[in-house]
Amino acid sequence: MEILGLLDTLESMILDGFKIPLTKKTLINEEQILGVIDKIRLVVQGGGNFAKKALGEHAAQSAAPEMVSQPEEPSTPANKSTEVLQQAYQLAKEVKEGADNYADEVLSNLELTVTRLIRTIKAGRERLDKTVRGENEKA
């Protein structure tokens, strides 16, 4: 069945994503994931007008992300697809926030390391200057 192949593709994209150290989060290509989700939706629904409607909903949600948090009755396939998209957008938002936090932490640690190195370099140069001055005074 074609949908199983698409699910395998989706799973491999997630597993191949960049793991964020010290978290259980993974960076993934949002565009690729959403493309596979759209294909799954088309296979489940059999194409037709639903594909156009699903793509229209995707564009509408991109333009108005505040609508993502509004609950809808998940009784129709269109509402189910909207729910899947909402979950995908929420996951993408969490991954982005996790990546931003990780990058900030790495940069902060790098800044501390560089500051320590600069202090060490300055102390070494001062010590060298004292040594050179002491030798010049003896001569």
C-alpha atoms as a PDB file:
ATOM      1  CA  MET A   1       0.000   0.000   0.000  1.00  0.00           C
ATOM      2  CA  GLU A   2       1.330   3.439  -0.961  1.00  0.00           C
ATOM      3  CA  ILE A   3       0.539   4.989   2.420  1.00  0.00           C
ATOM      4  CA  LEU A   4       2.904   2.577   4.196  1.00  0.00           C
ATOM      5  CA  GLY A   5       5.721   3.735   1.946  1.00  0.00           C
ATOM      6  CA  LEU A   6       4.919   7.362   2.754  1.00  0.00           C
ATOM      7  CA  LEU A   7       4.854   6.591   6.474  1.00  0.00           C
ATOM      8  CA  ASP A   8       8.249   4.871   6.138  1.00  0.00           C
ATOM      9  CA  THR A   9       9.559   7.969   4.359  1.00  0.00           C
ATOM     10  CA  LEU A  10       8.200  10.199   7.107  1.00  0.00           C
ATOM     11  CA  GLU A  11       9.749   8.019   9.790  1.00  0.00           C
ATOM     12  CA  SER A  12      13.151   7.971   8.095  1.00  0.00           C
ATOM     13  CA  MET A  13      13.094  11.774   7.698  1.00  0.00           C
ATOM     14  CA  ILE A  14      12.500  12.135  11.429  1.00  0.00           C
ATOM     15  CA  LEU A  15      15.138   9.556  12.359  1.00  0.00           C
ATOM     16  CA  ASP A  16      17.667  11.191  10.015  1.00  0.00           C
ATOM     17  CA  GLY A  17      17.059  14.629  11.524  1.00  0.00           C
ATOM     18  CA  PHE A  18      19.742  16.470  13.490  1.00  0.00           C
ATOM     19  CA  LYS A  19      19.610  15.453  17.156  1.00  0.00           C
ATOM     20  CA  ILE A  20      19.831  18.368  19.590  1.00  0.00           C
ATOM     21  CA  PRO A  21      22.309  17.374  22.293  1.00  0.00           C
ATOM     22  CA  LEU A  22      21.056  17.185  25.885  1.00  0.00           C
ATOM     23  CA  THR A  23      17.417  17.087  24.722  1.00  0.00           C
ATOM     24  CA  LYS A  24      15.046  14.585  23.204  1.00  0.00           C
ATOM     25  CA  LYS A  25      14.410  16.922  20.295  1.00  0.00           C
ATOM     26  CA  THR A  26      15.354  16.593  16.641  1.00  0.00           C
ATOM     27  CA  LEU A  27      15.670  19.247  13.945  1.00  0.00           C
ATOM     28  CA  ILE A  28      13.821  18.256  10.806  1.00  0.00           C
ATOM     29  CA  ASN A  29      13.094  19.854   7.466  1.00  0.00           C
ATOM     30  CA  GLU A  30       9.592  21.220   8.011  1.00  0.00           C
ATOM     31  CA  GLU A  31       8.893  21.653   4.310  1.00  0.00           C
ATOM     32  CA  GLN A  32       9.743  18.024   3.493  1.00  0.00           C
ATOM     33  CA  ILE A  33       7.728  16.659   6.407  1.00  0.00           C
ATOM     34  CA  LEU A  34       4.674  18.728   5.509  1.00  0.00           C
ATOM     35  CA  GLY A  35       5.008  17.596   1.888  1.00  0.00           C
ATOM     36  CA  VAL A  36       4.898  13.938   2.939  1.00  0.00           C
ATOM     37  CA  ILE A  37       1.940  14.638   5.236  1.00  0.00           C
ATOM     38  CA  ASP A  38       0.110  16.239   2.306  1.00  0.00           C
ATOM     39  CA  LYS A  39       0.831  13.168   0.166  1.00  0.00           C
ATOM     40  CA  ILE A  40      -0.470  10.877   2.918  1.00  0.00           C
ATOM     41  CA  ARG A  41      -3.615  12.955   3.114  1.00  0.00           C
ATOM     42  CA  LEU A  42      -4.118  12.709  -0.648  1.00  0.00           C
ATOM     43  CA  VAL A  43      -3.680   8.939  -0.593  1.00  0.00           C
ATOM     44  CA  VAL A  44      -6.123   8.531   2.290  1.00  0.00           C
ATOM     45  CA  GLN A  45      -8.745  10.747   0.663  1.00  0.00           C
ATOM     46  CA  GLY A  46      -8.184   9.583  -2.889  1.00  0.00           C
ATOM     47  CA  GLY A  47      -7.318  13.040  -4.283  1.00  0.00           C
ATOM     48  CA  GLY A  48     -10.000  15.232  -5.866  1.00  0.00           C
ATOM     49  CA  ASN A  49     -11.250  18.474  -4.325  1.00  0.00           C
ATOM     50  CA  PHE A  50      -9.904  17.533  -0.927  1.00  0.00           C
ATOM     51  CA  ALA A  51      -6.316  18.020  -2.144  1.00  0.00           C
ATOM     52  CA  LYS A  52      -7.084  21.597  -3.172  1.00  0.00           C
ATOM     53  CA  LYS A  53      -8.868  22.251   0.114  1.00  0.00           C
ATOM     54  CA  ALA A  54      -6.010  20.766   2.164  1.00  0.00           C
ATOM     55  CA  LEU A  55      -3.429  22.863   0.354  1.00  0.00           C
ATOM     56  CA  GLY A  56      -5.631  25.938   0.827  1.00  0.00           C
ATOM     57  CA  GLU A  57      -5.857  25.222   4.572  1.00  0.00           C
ATOM     58  CA  HIS A  58      -2.082  24.824   4.695  1.00  0.00           C
ATOM     59  CA  ALA A  59      -1.625  28.237   3.064  1.00  0.00           C
ATOM     60  CA  ALA A  60      -4.222  29.818   5.348  1.00  0.00           C
ATOM     61  CA  GLN A  61      -2.517  28.461   8.443  1.00  0.00           C
ATOM     62  CA  SER A  62       0.851  29.756   7.238  1.00  0.00           C
ATOM     63  CA  ALA A  63      -0.673  33.221   6.888  1.00  0.00           C
ATOM     64  CA  ALA A  64      -2.528  33.145  10.219  1.00  0.00           C
ATOM     65  CA  PRO A  65      -0.702  30.988  12.804  1.00  0.00           C
ATOM     66  CA  GLU A  66      -2.914  32.264  15.623  1.00  0.00           C
ATOM     67  CA  MET A  67      -5.749  30.172  14.180  1.00  0.00           C
ATOM     68  CA  VAL A  68      -3.766  27.021  14.965  1.00  0.00           C
ATOM     69  CA  SER A  69      -4.831  27.060  18.595  1.00  0.00           C
ATOM     70  CA  GLN A  70      -8.580  27.151  17.875  1.00  0.00           C
ATOM     71  CA  PRO A  71     -10.081  23.696  18.473  1.00  0.00           C
ATOM     72  CA  GLU A  72     -12.331  22.192  15.847  1.00  0.00           C
ATOM     73  CA  GLU A  73     -14.612  19.216  15.902  1.00  0.00           C
ATOM     74  CA  PRO A  74     -12.485  16.316  14.544  1.00  0.00           C
ATOM     75  CA  SER A  75     -15.414  14.501  12.938  1.00  0.00           C
ATOM     76  CA  THR A  76     -14.616  15.100   9.259  1.00  0.00           C
ATOM     77  CA  PRO A  77     -11.505  14.215   7.274  1.00  0.00           C
ATOM     78  CA  ALA A  78     -10.894  17.916   6.628  1.00  0.00           C
ATOM     79  CA  ASN A  79     -10.910  18.632  10.358  1.00  0.00           C
ATOM     80  CA  LYS A  80      -8.596  15.696  10.975  1.00  0.00           C
ATOM     81  CA  SER A  81      -6.159  17.043   8.408  1.00  0.00           C
ATOM     82  CA  THR A  82      -6.321  20.443  10.042  1.00  0.00           C
ATOM     83  CA  GLU A  83      -5.528  18.808  13.377  1.00  0.00           C
ATOM     84  CA  VAL A  84      -2.528  17.028  11.861  1.00  0.00           C
ATOM     85  CA  LEU A  85      -1.285  20.307  10.420  1.00  0.00           C
ATOM     86  CA  GLN A  86      -1.772  22.022  13.771  1.00  0.00           C
ATOM     87  CA  GLN A  87       0.267  19.348  15.483  1.00  0.00           C
ATOM     88  CA  ALA A  88       2.975  19.630  12.828  1.00  0.00           C
ATOM     89  CA  TYR A  89       3.159  23.406  13.253  1.00  0.00           C
ATOM     90  CA  GLN A  90       3.302  23.069  17.039  1.00  0.00           C
ATOM     91  CA  LEU A  91       6.087  20.508  16.779  1.00  0.00           C
ATOM     92  CA  ALA A  92       7.987  22.729  14.351  1.00  0.00           C
ATOM     93  CA  LYS A  93       7.625  25.660  16.758  1.00  0.00           C
ATOM     94  CA  GLU A  94       8.919  23.571  19.681  1.00  0.00           C
ATOM     95  CA  VAL A  95      11.860  22.319  17.627  1.00  0.00           C
ATOM     96  CA  LYS A  96      12.747  25.862  16.576  1.00  0.00           C
ATOM     97  CA  GLU A  97      12.586  27.069  20.186  1.00  0.00           C
ATOM     98  CA  GLY A  98      14.736  24.131  21.287  1.00  0.00           C
ATOM     99  CA  ALA A  99      17.276  24.874  18.577  1.00  0.00           C
ATOM    100  CA  ASP A 100      17.367  28.556  19.523  1.00  0.00           C
ATOM    101  CA  ASN A 101      17.874  27.698  23.193  1.00  0.00           C
ATOM    102  CA  TYR A 102      20.617  25.222  22.336  1.00  0.00           C
ATOM    103  CA  ALA A 103      22.393  27.746  20.083  1.00  0.00           C
ATOM    104  CA  ASP A 104      22.185  30.378  22.835  1.00  0.00           C
ATOM    105  CA  GLU A 105      23.643  27.947  25.365  1.00  0.00           C
ATOM    106  CA  VAL A 106      26.502  26.987  23.032  1.00  0.00           C
ATOM    107  CA  LEU A 107      27.302  30.628  22.290  1.00  0.00           C
ATOM    108  CA  SER A 108      27.199  31.486  25.999  1.00  0.00           C
ATOM    109  CA  ASN A 109      29.646  28.686  26.801  1.00  0.00           C
ATOM    110  CA  LEU A 110      31.872  29.771  23.930  1.00  0.00           C
ATOM    111  CA  GLU A 111      31.837  33.343  25.221  1.00  0.00           C
ATOM    112  CA  LEU A 112      32.891  32.180  28.696  1.00  0.00           C
ATOM    113  CA  THR A 113      35.693  30.083  27.245  1.00  0.00           C
ATOM    114  CA  VAL A 114      36.971  32.934  25.100  1.00  0.00           C
ATOM    115  CA  THR A 115      36.849  35.297  28.094  1.00  0.00           C
ATOM    116  CA  ARG A 116      38.946  32.869  30.147  1.00  0.00           C
ATOM    117  CA  LEU A 117      41.419  32.497  27.296  1.00  0.00           C
ATOM    118  CA  ILE A 118      41.769  36.261  26.963  1.00  0.00           C
ATOM    119  CA  ARG A 119      42.452  36.553  30.707  1.00  0.00           C
ATOM    120  CA  THR A 120      45.066  33.797  30.452  1.00  0.00           C
ATOM    121  CA  ILE A 121      46.703  35.469  27.462  1.00  0.00           C
ATOM    122  CA  LYS A 122      46.818  38.853  29.233  1.00  0.00           C
ATOM    123  CA  ALA A 123      48.294  37.287  32.382  1.00  0.00           C
ATOM    124  CA  GLY A 124      50.920  35.506  30.273  1.00  0.00           C
ATOM    125  CA  ARG A 125      51.861  38.705  28.472  1.00  0.00           C
ATOM    126  CA  GLU A 126      52.123  40.609  31.764  1.00  0.00           C
ATOM    127  CA  ARG A 127      54.338  37.892  33.179  1.00  0.00           C
ATOM    128  CA  LEU A 128      56.482  37.980  30.032  1.00  0.00           C
ATOM    129  CA  ASP A 129      56.750  41.797  30.240  1.00  0.00           C
ATOM    130  CA  LYS A 130      57.889  41.563  33.898  1.00  0.00           C
ATOM    131  CA  THR A 131      60.448  38.920  32.969  1.00  0.00           C
ATOM    132  CA  VAL A 132      61.771  40.978  30.053  1.00  0.00           C
ATOM    133  CA  ARG A 133      61.928  44.139  32.195  1.00  0.00           C
ATOM    134  CA  GLY A 134      63.758  42.264  34.934  1.00  0.00           C
ATOM    135  CA  GLU A 135      66.376  40.994  32.476  1.00  0.00           C
ATOM    136  CA  ASN A 136      66.811  44.471  30.976  1.00  0.00           C
ATOM    137  CA  GLU A 137      67.342  46.008  34.411  1.00  0.00           C
ATOM    138  CA  LYS A 138      70.051  43.429  35.245  1.00  0.00           C
ATOM    139  CA  ALA A 139      71.884  44.130  32.001  1.00  0.00           C
END
